[in-house]
């Protein structure tokens, strides 16, 4: 396998250098190769050659080779210098997106995991006043500077990330699931709202969801938020913030959720993927509070057609974060409601939660495929 991997990567590299050697030269503003050639003919030819070379290989091998190609292309595009920002701008990024740049590019990661790679030269952690090794994970809220004669790649390894950057750069986007777009779609549908975090629209997709946040999402997916906000019932819990009190009181009254103790709801406790999958099943009518064992909630969700087998496996590995809440909620809208010949989004349209036109515009924001 090792020899095969080396051979296939060699094919990739040969194709790349042949493409560069035969490309028409650029001008004074584009000294390497024509940017249009790089983005179109060059990229297409290499993509085709890679797919041909790996047609009989396994998915992981293809993914590894494609990742190497994306890094090479991002480095070339960075040197072309296709974009420039004189002031810091903020972007919400997704896994395998690559921000590449040359001397003078500054990067601040506000959320998520981003790693810096550079074959030569240096990247300086200006906050600490020292250089970092290639392959380092950037510390949150530190300012990094690409030093002289350096081309650096900043690759997102978490499901989502938020970064500020300024200077000459190129942003290469991946085909990974776009949790950011899903969050925007759900926000447009009034099903998801950000926090008071001052960046990334307050989506906070990188942190774990709390029990109370998960409960609020259940109530919204049931189309009962207005009823909850108008609830005058009381709850017995001492650990519920004022903003969440109506939701908790409503859910307690309806029997949607109990506390973790006689007078504690566990509002700030992290929610598990099984807990949220169970909430999704209840919203769709496939489960109820009578279901006390939620350990197999993901498996039951897959058997009901709410999630795919691939999603079931993916969600059981790694930490459960708000990006996953967004993912499950977004695709739950397409799932059929138990005992009815309509999907959840159709039920919510019928209930007046949002209109059909708003649903169409919102879902158009998401261009990536499911896991």
Protein backbone atom coordinates (compact mmCIF):
# COMPACT_ATOMS: atom_id res chain seq x y z
CA UNK A 1 0.00 0.00 0.00
CA UNK A 2 2.87 2.35 0.86
CA UNK A 3 4.49 1.82 -2.56
CA UNK A 4 1.14 2.28 -4.26
CA UNK A 5 0.50 5.52 -2.37
CA UNK A 6 3.94 6.86 -3.30
CA UNK A 7 3.39 5.96 -6.94
CA UNK A 8 0.02 7.65 -7.11
CA UNK A 9 1.32 10.76 -5.40
CA UNK A 10 4.22 10.79 -7.87
CA UNK A 11 1.68 10.71 -10.72
CA UNK A 12 -0.01 13.71 -9.12
CA UNK A 13 3.23 15.64 -8.78
CA UNK A 14 4.35 14.85 -12.35
CA UNK A 15 1.01 16.01 -13.69
CA UNK A 16 1.30 19.21 -11.69
CA UNK A 17 4.78 20.12 -12.91
CA UNK A 18 3.95 19.24 -16.51
CA UNK A 19 0.97 21.58 -16.25
CA UNK A 20 3.11 24.38 -14.86
CA UNK A 21 5.84 23.88 -17.45
CA UNK A 22 3.45 24.00 -20.40
CA UNK A 23 1.28 26.87 -19.10
CA UNK A 24 1.43 30.20 -20.85
CA UNK A 25 3.48 32.70 -18.86
CA UNK A 26 1.87 35.54 -16.96
CA UNK A 27 2.55 39.23 -17.12
CA UNK A 28 4.01 41.75 -14.64
CA UNK A 29 0.85 41.58 -12.54
CA UNK A 30 0.68 37.79 -12.64
CA UNK A 31 4.31 36.65 -12.68
CA UNK A 32 3.85 32.90 -12.24
CA UNK A 33 1.13 31.68 -14.56
CA UNK A 34 -2.16 33.07 -15.79
CA UNK A 35 -4.71 33.05 -12.95
CA UNK A 36 -7.48 32.08 -15.34
CA UNK A 37 -5.38 29.16 -16.58
CA UNK A 38 -4.61 28.12 -13.00
CA UNK A 39 -8.26 28.13 -11.98
CA UNK A 40 -9.71 26.57 -15.12
CA UNK A 41 -7.67 24.49 -17.59
CA UNK A 42 -4.81 23.74 -15.17
CA UNK A 43 -7.05 22.72 -12.29
CA UNK A 44 -9.41 20.70 -14.49
CA UNK A 45 -6.58 18.81 -16.20
CA UNK A 46 -4.97 17.83 -12.91
CA UNK A 47 -8.30 16.88 -11.32
CA UNK A 48 -9.01 14.61 -14.30
CA UNK A 49 -5.55 13.02 -14.18
CA UNK A 50 -5.84 12.38 -10.44
CA UNK A 51 -9.27 10.79 -10.74
CA UNK A 52 -8.04 8.59 -13.59
CA UNK A 53 -4.97 7.48 -11.66
CA UNK A 54 -7.00 6.67 -8.58
CA UNK A 55 -10.07 5.19 -10.25
CA UNK A 56 -9.47 1.77 -8.70
CA UNK A 57 -8.16 2.94 -5.34
CA UNK A 58 -10.01 3.19 -2.09
CA UNK A 59 -11.71 6.36 -0.89
CA UNK A 60 -9.12 7.17 1.74
CA UNK A 61 -6.28 7.02 -0.75
CA UNK A 62 -8.18 9.29 -3.10
CA UNK A 63 -8.96 11.70 -0.27
CA UNK A 64 -5.33 11.84 0.86
CA UNK A 65 -4.07 12.50 -2.66
CA UNK A 66 -6.74 15.11 -3.27
CA UNK A 67 -5.82 16.87 -0.01
CA UNK A 68 -2.19 17.05 -1.14
CA UNK A 69 -3.28 18.45 -4.49
CA UNK A 70 -5.49 21.08 -2.85
CA UNK A 71 -2.54 22.24 -0.74
CA UNK A 72 -0.29 22.49 -3.79
CA UNK A 73 -2.92 24.41 -5.70
CA UNK A 74 -3.62 26.71 -2.75
CA UNK A 75 0.08 27.52 -2.48
CA UNK A 76 0.25 28.33 -6.19
CA UNK A 77 -2.86 30.49 -5.95
CA UNK A 78 -1.44 32.32 -2.95
CA UNK A 79 1.60 33.28 -4.98
CA UNK A 80 -0.63 34.52 -7.77
CA UNK A 81 -2.06 36.89 -5.17
CA UNK A 82 -5.66 36.93 -6.37
CA UNK A 83 -7.12 38.75 -3.36
CA UNK A 84 -5.95 41.48 -1.02
CA UNK A 85 -7.51 42.99 2.07
CA UNK A 86 -6.01 46.08 3.66
CA UNK A 87 -8.00 45.57 6.86
CA UNK A 88 -8.97 42.49 8.85
CA UNK A 89 -12.00 40.65 7.52
CA UNK A 90 -13.88 37.83 9.19
CA UNK A 91 -14.87 34.54 7.56
CA UNK A 92 -16.74 31.48 8.77
CA UNK A 93 -14.85 28.48 7.39
CA UNK A 94 -15.46 24.74 7.15
CA UNK A 95 -13.32 21.62 7.37
CA UNK A 96 -10.51 21.38 4.79
CA UNK A 97 -10.92 24.99 3.65
CA UNK A 98 -7.44 26.43 3.06
CA UNK A 99 -6.49 30.08 3.55
CA UNK A 100 -3.14 30.55 1.84
CA UNK A 101 -0.96 33.61 1.64
CA UNK A 102 2.48 35.09 1.29
CA UNK A 103 4.64 37.62 3.12
CA UNK A 104 2.60 39.99 5.25
CA UNK A 105 -0.58 37.92 5.58
CA UNK A 106 -1.93 38.14 9.14
CA UNK A 107 -4.32 35.56 10.61
CA UNK A 108 -6.28 35.42 13.88
CA UNK A 109 -8.31 32.29 14.63
CA UNK A 110 -11.36 33.14 16.73
CA UNK A 111 -12.86 29.63 16.92
CA UNK A 112 -12.07 26.14 15.66
CA UNK A 113 -8.88 24.25 14.86
CA UNK A 114 -6.59 25.66 12.18
CA UNK A 115 -3.08 24.43 11.39
CA UNK A 116 -0.29 26.34 9.63
CA UNK A 117 2.03 24.65 7.12
CA UNK A 118 4.96 26.18 5.25
CA UNK A 119 7.81 24.30 3.52
CA UNK A 120 10.31 27.09 4.17
CA UNK A 121 10.52 30.51 5.75
CA UNK A 122 8.62 31.35 8.93
CA UNK A 123 5.28 32.16 10.51
CA UNK A 124 5.47 34.33 13.62
CA UNK A 125 3.12 34.26 16.60
CA UNK A 126 3.11 38.03 17.07
CA UNK A 127 1.18 37.73 20.34
CA UNK A 128 4.01 35.71 21.90
CA UNK A 129 6.78 37.19 19.78
CA UNK A 130 8.19 33.91 18.47
CA UNK A 131 8.19 31.68 15.38
CA UNK A 132 6.05 28.54 15.26
CA UNK A 133 6.97 25.17 13.70
CA UNK A 134 5.24 24.14 10.48
CA UNK A 135 2.25 21.94 11.30
CA UNK A 136 1.36 23.87 14.45
CA UNK A 137 -2.22 24.36 15.54
CA UNK A 138 -2.88 28.08 15.92
CA UNK A 139 -3.83 29.35 19.36
CA UNK A 140 -7.17 31.14 19.56
CA UNK A 141 -7.05 34.95 19.52
CA UNK A 142 -3.31 35.05 18.73
CA UNK A 143 -2.15 37.12 15.76
CA UNK A 144 0.08 35.30 13.28
CA UNK A 145 2.22 36.89 10.59
CA UNK A 146 3.61 35.21 7.46
CA UNK A 147 7.26 36.26 7.32
CA UNK A 148 9.42 37.34 4.40
CA UNK A 149 9.86 34.87 1.51
CA UNK A 150 7.23 32.51 2.95
CA UNK A 151 4.13 30.92 1.51
CA UNK A 152 1.88 29.51 4.25
CA UNK A 153 -1.25 27.37 4.21
CA UNK A 154 -3.79 27.68 7.03
CA UNK A 155 -6.01 24.59 6.90
CA UNK A 156 -9.22 24.07 8.90
CA UNK A 157 -9.25 20.70 10.69
CA UNK A 158 -12.40 21.15 12.79
CA UNK A 159 -15.91 20.98 11.32
CA UNK A 160 -16.08 24.77 11.35
CA UNK A 161 -13.87 27.70 12.26
CA UNK A 162 -13.97 31.49 12.37
CA UNK A 163 -10.92 33.53 11.36
CA UNK A 164 -9.89 37.15 10.84
CA UNK A 165 -7.22 37.88 8.23
CA UNK A 166 -5.70 40.68 6.20
CA UNK A 167 -3.04 40.93 3.51
CA UNK A 168 -2.59 39.05 0.25
CA UNK A 169 -4.41 35.72 0.37
CA UNK A 170 -6.38 33.06 -1.47
CA UNK A 171 -9.26 31.11 0.06
CA UNK A 172 -9.68 27.60 -1.34
CA UNK A 173 -13.01 26.11 -0.28
CA UNK A 174 -13.60 22.39 0.19
CA UNK A 175 -16.58 20.14 -0.51
CA UNK A 176 -17.00 19.31 3.20
CA UNK A 177 -20.50 19.69 4.69
CA UNK A 178 -21.22 23.40 5.11
CA UNK A 179 -22.51 23.64 8.66
CA UNK A 180 -22.22 27.42 8.46
CA UNK A 181 -24.66 27.57 5.54
CA UNK A 182 -27.02 25.18 7.35
CA UNK A 183 -26.98 27.46 10.39
CA UNK A 184 -27.80 30.44 8.17
CA UNK A 185 -30.66 28.48 6.58
CA UNK A 186 -32.09 27.48 9.96
CA UNK A 187 -31.75 31.07 11.19
CA UNK A 188 -33.74 32.29 8.17
CA UNK A 189 -36.41 29.73 9.11
CA UNK A 190 -36.46 31.09 12.73
CA UNK A 191 -35.34 27.67 13.98
CA UNK A 192 -31.83 28.63 15.06
CA UNK A 193 -30.45 31.78 16.64
CA UNK A 194 -26.98 32.88 17.58
CA UNK A 195 -25.73 33.81 21.02
CA UNK A 196 -24.21 37.13 22.07
CA UNK A 197 -20.76 36.00 20.91
CA UNK A 198 -19.27 38.90 18.99
CA UNK A 199 -18.04 36.89 15.99
CA UNK A 200 -19.26 34.28 13.53
CA UNK A 201 -22.80 35.66 13.79
CA UNK A 202 -22.88 34.17 17.27
CA UNK A 203 -23.46 30.69 15.86
CA UNK A 204 -20.87 29.11 18.22
CA UNK A 205 -20.80 25.97 16.08
CA UNK A 206 -17.49 24.89 17.57
CA UNK A 207 -18.65 24.39 21.17
CA UNK A 208 -20.76 21.69 22.79
CA UNK A 209 -24.52 22.33 23.02
CA UNK A 210 -26.13 22.51 26.44
CA UNK A 211 -29.21 20.63 27.60
CA UNK A 212 -31.31 23.77 27.59
CA UNK A 213 -30.18 24.74 24.08
CA UNK A 214 -31.13 21.28 22.84
CA UNK A 215 -34.54 21.58 24.50
CA UNK A 216 -35.15 24.93 22.80
CA UNK A 217 -34.33 23.36 19.42
CA UNK A 218 -36.83 20.55 20.12
CA UNK A 219 -39.58 23.08 20.85
CA UNK A 220 -38.80 24.99 17.67
CA UNK A 221 -38.81 21.84 15.53
CA UNK A 222 -42.18 20.99 17.04
CA UNK A 223 -43.42 24.38 15.85
CA UNK A 224 -44.35 25.35 19.41
CA UNK A 225 -41.99 28.22 20.21
CA UNK A 226 -44.75 30.85 20.35
CA UNK A 227 -46.68 28.70 22.80
CA UNK A 228 -43.56 28.23 24.91
CA UNK A 229 -42.76 31.93 25.02
CA UNK A 230 -46.32 32.64 26.12
CA UNK A 231 -46.25 29.96 28.81
CA UNK A 232 -47.11 31.22 32.31
CA UNK A 233 -46.50 27.92 34.07
CA UNK A 234 -43.73 27.55 36.63
CA UNK A 235 -40.88 25.08 36.88
CA UNK A 236 -39.16 23.73 40.03
CA UNK A 237 -35.56 24.19 38.88
CA UNK A 238 -33.04 26.62 40.35
CA UNK A 239 -30.44 26.45 37.57
CA UNK A 240 -32.40 27.94 34.66
CA UNK A 241 -31.51 31.38 33.28
CA UNK A 242 -34.36 33.87 32.87
CA UNK A 243 -34.26 33.73 29.05
CA UNK A 244 -34.78 29.95 29.12
CA UNK A 245 -37.40 29.86 31.88
CA UNK A 246 -40.46 29.91 29.56
CA UNK A 247 -39.05 27.08 27.42
CA UNK A 248 -38.22 24.90 30.43
CA UNK A 249 -41.56 25.56 32.12
CA UNK A 250 -43.42 24.75 28.91
CA UNK A 251 -41.44 21.55 28.30
CA UNK A 252 -41.88 20.48 31.93
CA UNK A 253 -45.62 21.10 31.74
CA UNK A 254 -45.92 19.20 28.44
CA UNK A 255 -43.78 16.33 29.68
CA UNK A 256 -41.10 16.83 27.00
CA UNK A 257 -38.23 16.83 29.45
CA UNK A 258 -37.54 16.47 33.15
CA UNK A 259 -34.63 17.67 35.23
CA UNK A 260 -31.54 15.81 36.34
CA UNK A 261 -32.58 16.27 39.98
CA UNK A 262 -35.55 17.35 42.06
CA UNK A 263 -34.68 21.04 41.71
CA UNK A 264 -31.99 21.03 38.99
CA UNK A 265 -32.55 20.94 35.26
CA UNK A 266 -28.89 20.66 34.30
CA UNK A 267 -29.17 23.66 31.99
CA UNK A 268 -25.44 24.13 31.45
CA UNK A 269 -24.62 20.43 31.15
CA UNK A 270 -23.38 19.35 27.74
CA UNK A 271 -25.96 17.51 25.67
CA UNK A 272 -24.99 14.20 24.10
CA UNK A 273 -25.62 13.20 20.50
CA UNK A 274 -27.98 10.49 21.78
CA UNK A 275 -30.00 13.08 23.69
CA UNK A 276 -30.39 15.33 20.67
CA UNK A 277 -31.16 12.43 18.33
CA UNK A 278 -33.89 11.42 20.77
CA UNK A 279 -35.29 14.96 20.67
CA UNK A 280 -35.33 14.79 16.85
CA UNK A 281 -37.21 11.49 16.99
CA UNK A 282 -39.77 13.01 19.36
CA UNK A 283 -40.23 16.04 17.09
CA UNK A 284 -40.97 13.66 14.20
CA UNK A 285 -43.30 11.47 16.23
CA UNK A 286 -41.08 8.36 16.29
CA UNK A 287 -40.51 8.47 20.04
CA UNK A 288 -41.89 9.98 23.24
CA UNK A 289 -40.95 10.61 26.84
CA UNK A 290 -41.94 7.01 27.53
CA UNK A 291 -38.63 6.06 25.89
CA UNK A 292 -36.29 6.07 28.90
CA UNK A 293 -33.31 4.35 27.25
CA UNK A 294 -31.83 6.73 24.67
CA UNK A 295 -28.51 4.93 24.19
CA UNK A 296 -29.65 3.59 20.80
CA UNK A 297 -31.26 6.85 19.62
CA UNK A 298 -28.92 7.19 16.62
CA UNK A 299 -29.58 3.62 15.50
CA UNK A 300 -33.33 4.17 15.80
CA UNK A 301 -33.00 7.43 13.84
CA UNK A 302 -31.22 5.55 11.05
CA UNK A 303 -33.84 2.79 11.01
CA UNK A 304 -36.60 5.42 10.69
CA UNK A 305 -34.83 7.08 7.76
CA UNK A 306 -34.13 10.28 9.69
CA UNK A 307 -30.36 9.92 9.20
CA UNK A 308 -28.25 7.74 6.93
CA UNK A 309 -26.04 4.87 8.03
CA UNK A 310 -23.00 7.00 7.22
CA UNK A 311 -24.29 9.84 9.38
CA UNK A 312 -25.01 7.41 12.21
CA UNK A 313 -21.39 6.22 12.14
CA UNK A 314 -19.94 9.74 11.79
CA UNK A 315 -21.97 11.16 14.66
CA UNK A 316 -20.80 8.41 17.02
CA UNK A 317 -17.18 9.42 16.56
CA UNK A 318 -15.70 12.65 17.85
CA UNK A 319 -17.10 15.34 20.09
CA UNK A 320 -20.71 16.43 19.70
CA UNK A 321 -20.84 20.17 18.96
CA UNK A 322 -23.40 22.74 17.91
CA UNK A 323 -22.41 22.16 14.27
CA UNK A 324 -23.86 18.66 14.66
CA UNK A 325 -27.05 20.10 16.19
CA UNK A 326 -27.39 22.26 13.10
CA UNK A 327 -26.72 19.31 10.79
CA UNK A 328 -29.27 17.02 12.45
CA UNK A 329 -31.88 19.77 12.61
CA UNK A 330 -31.41 20.84 9.00
CA UNK A 331 -31.79 17.36 7.53
CA UNK A 332 -34.56 16.41 9.96
CA UNK A 333 -36.68 18.91 8.04
CA UNK A 334 -36.58 16.54 5.05
CA UNK A 335 -37.54 13.48 7.11
CA UNK A 336 -41.12 12.14 7.04
CA UNK A 337 -43.32 12.73 10.06
CA UNK A 338 -44.44 9.47 11.63
CA UNK A 339 -47.87 8.37 10.45
CA UNK A 340 -48.22 11.24 7.99
CA UNK A 341 -47.51 11.62 4.28
CA UNK A 342 -45.50 14.81 4.66
CA UNK A 343 -42.03 15.86 5.70
CA UNK A 344 -41.29 17.90 8.81
CA UNK A 345 -40.73 21.08 6.79
CA UNK A 346 -44.17 20.66 5.23
CA UNK A 347 -45.74 20.26 8.67
CA UNK A 348 -44.01 23.45 9.86
CA UNK A 349 -45.24 25.30 6.76
CA UNK A 350 -48.77 24.09 7.49
CA UNK A 351 -48.36 25.23 11.11
CA UNK A 352 -47.34 28.71 9.93
CA UNK A 353 -43.81 28.57 11.34
CA UNK A 354 -42.40 29.70 7.97
CA UNK A 355 -43.63 29.93 4.39
CA UNK A 356 -42.84 27.68 1.44
CA UNK A 357 -41.00 30.51 -0.33
CA UNK A 358 -38.82 31.18 2.72
CA UNK A 359 -38.02 27.47 2.92
CA UNK A 360 -36.95 27.38 -0.73
CA UNK A 361 -34.73 30.45 -0.35
CA UNK A 362 -33.19 29.13 2.86
CA UNK A 363 -32.31 25.67 1.58
CA UNK A 364 -30.77 27.23 -1.52
CA UNK A 365 -28.02 28.51 0.78
CA UNK A 366 -26.69 24.97 1.29
CA UNK A 367 -24.72 23.73 -1.73
CA UNK A 368 -22.79 20.84 -0.15
CA UNK A 369 -23.91 17.22 0.10
CA UNK A 370 -24.80 15.11 3.14
CA UNK A 371 -22.11 13.04 4.86
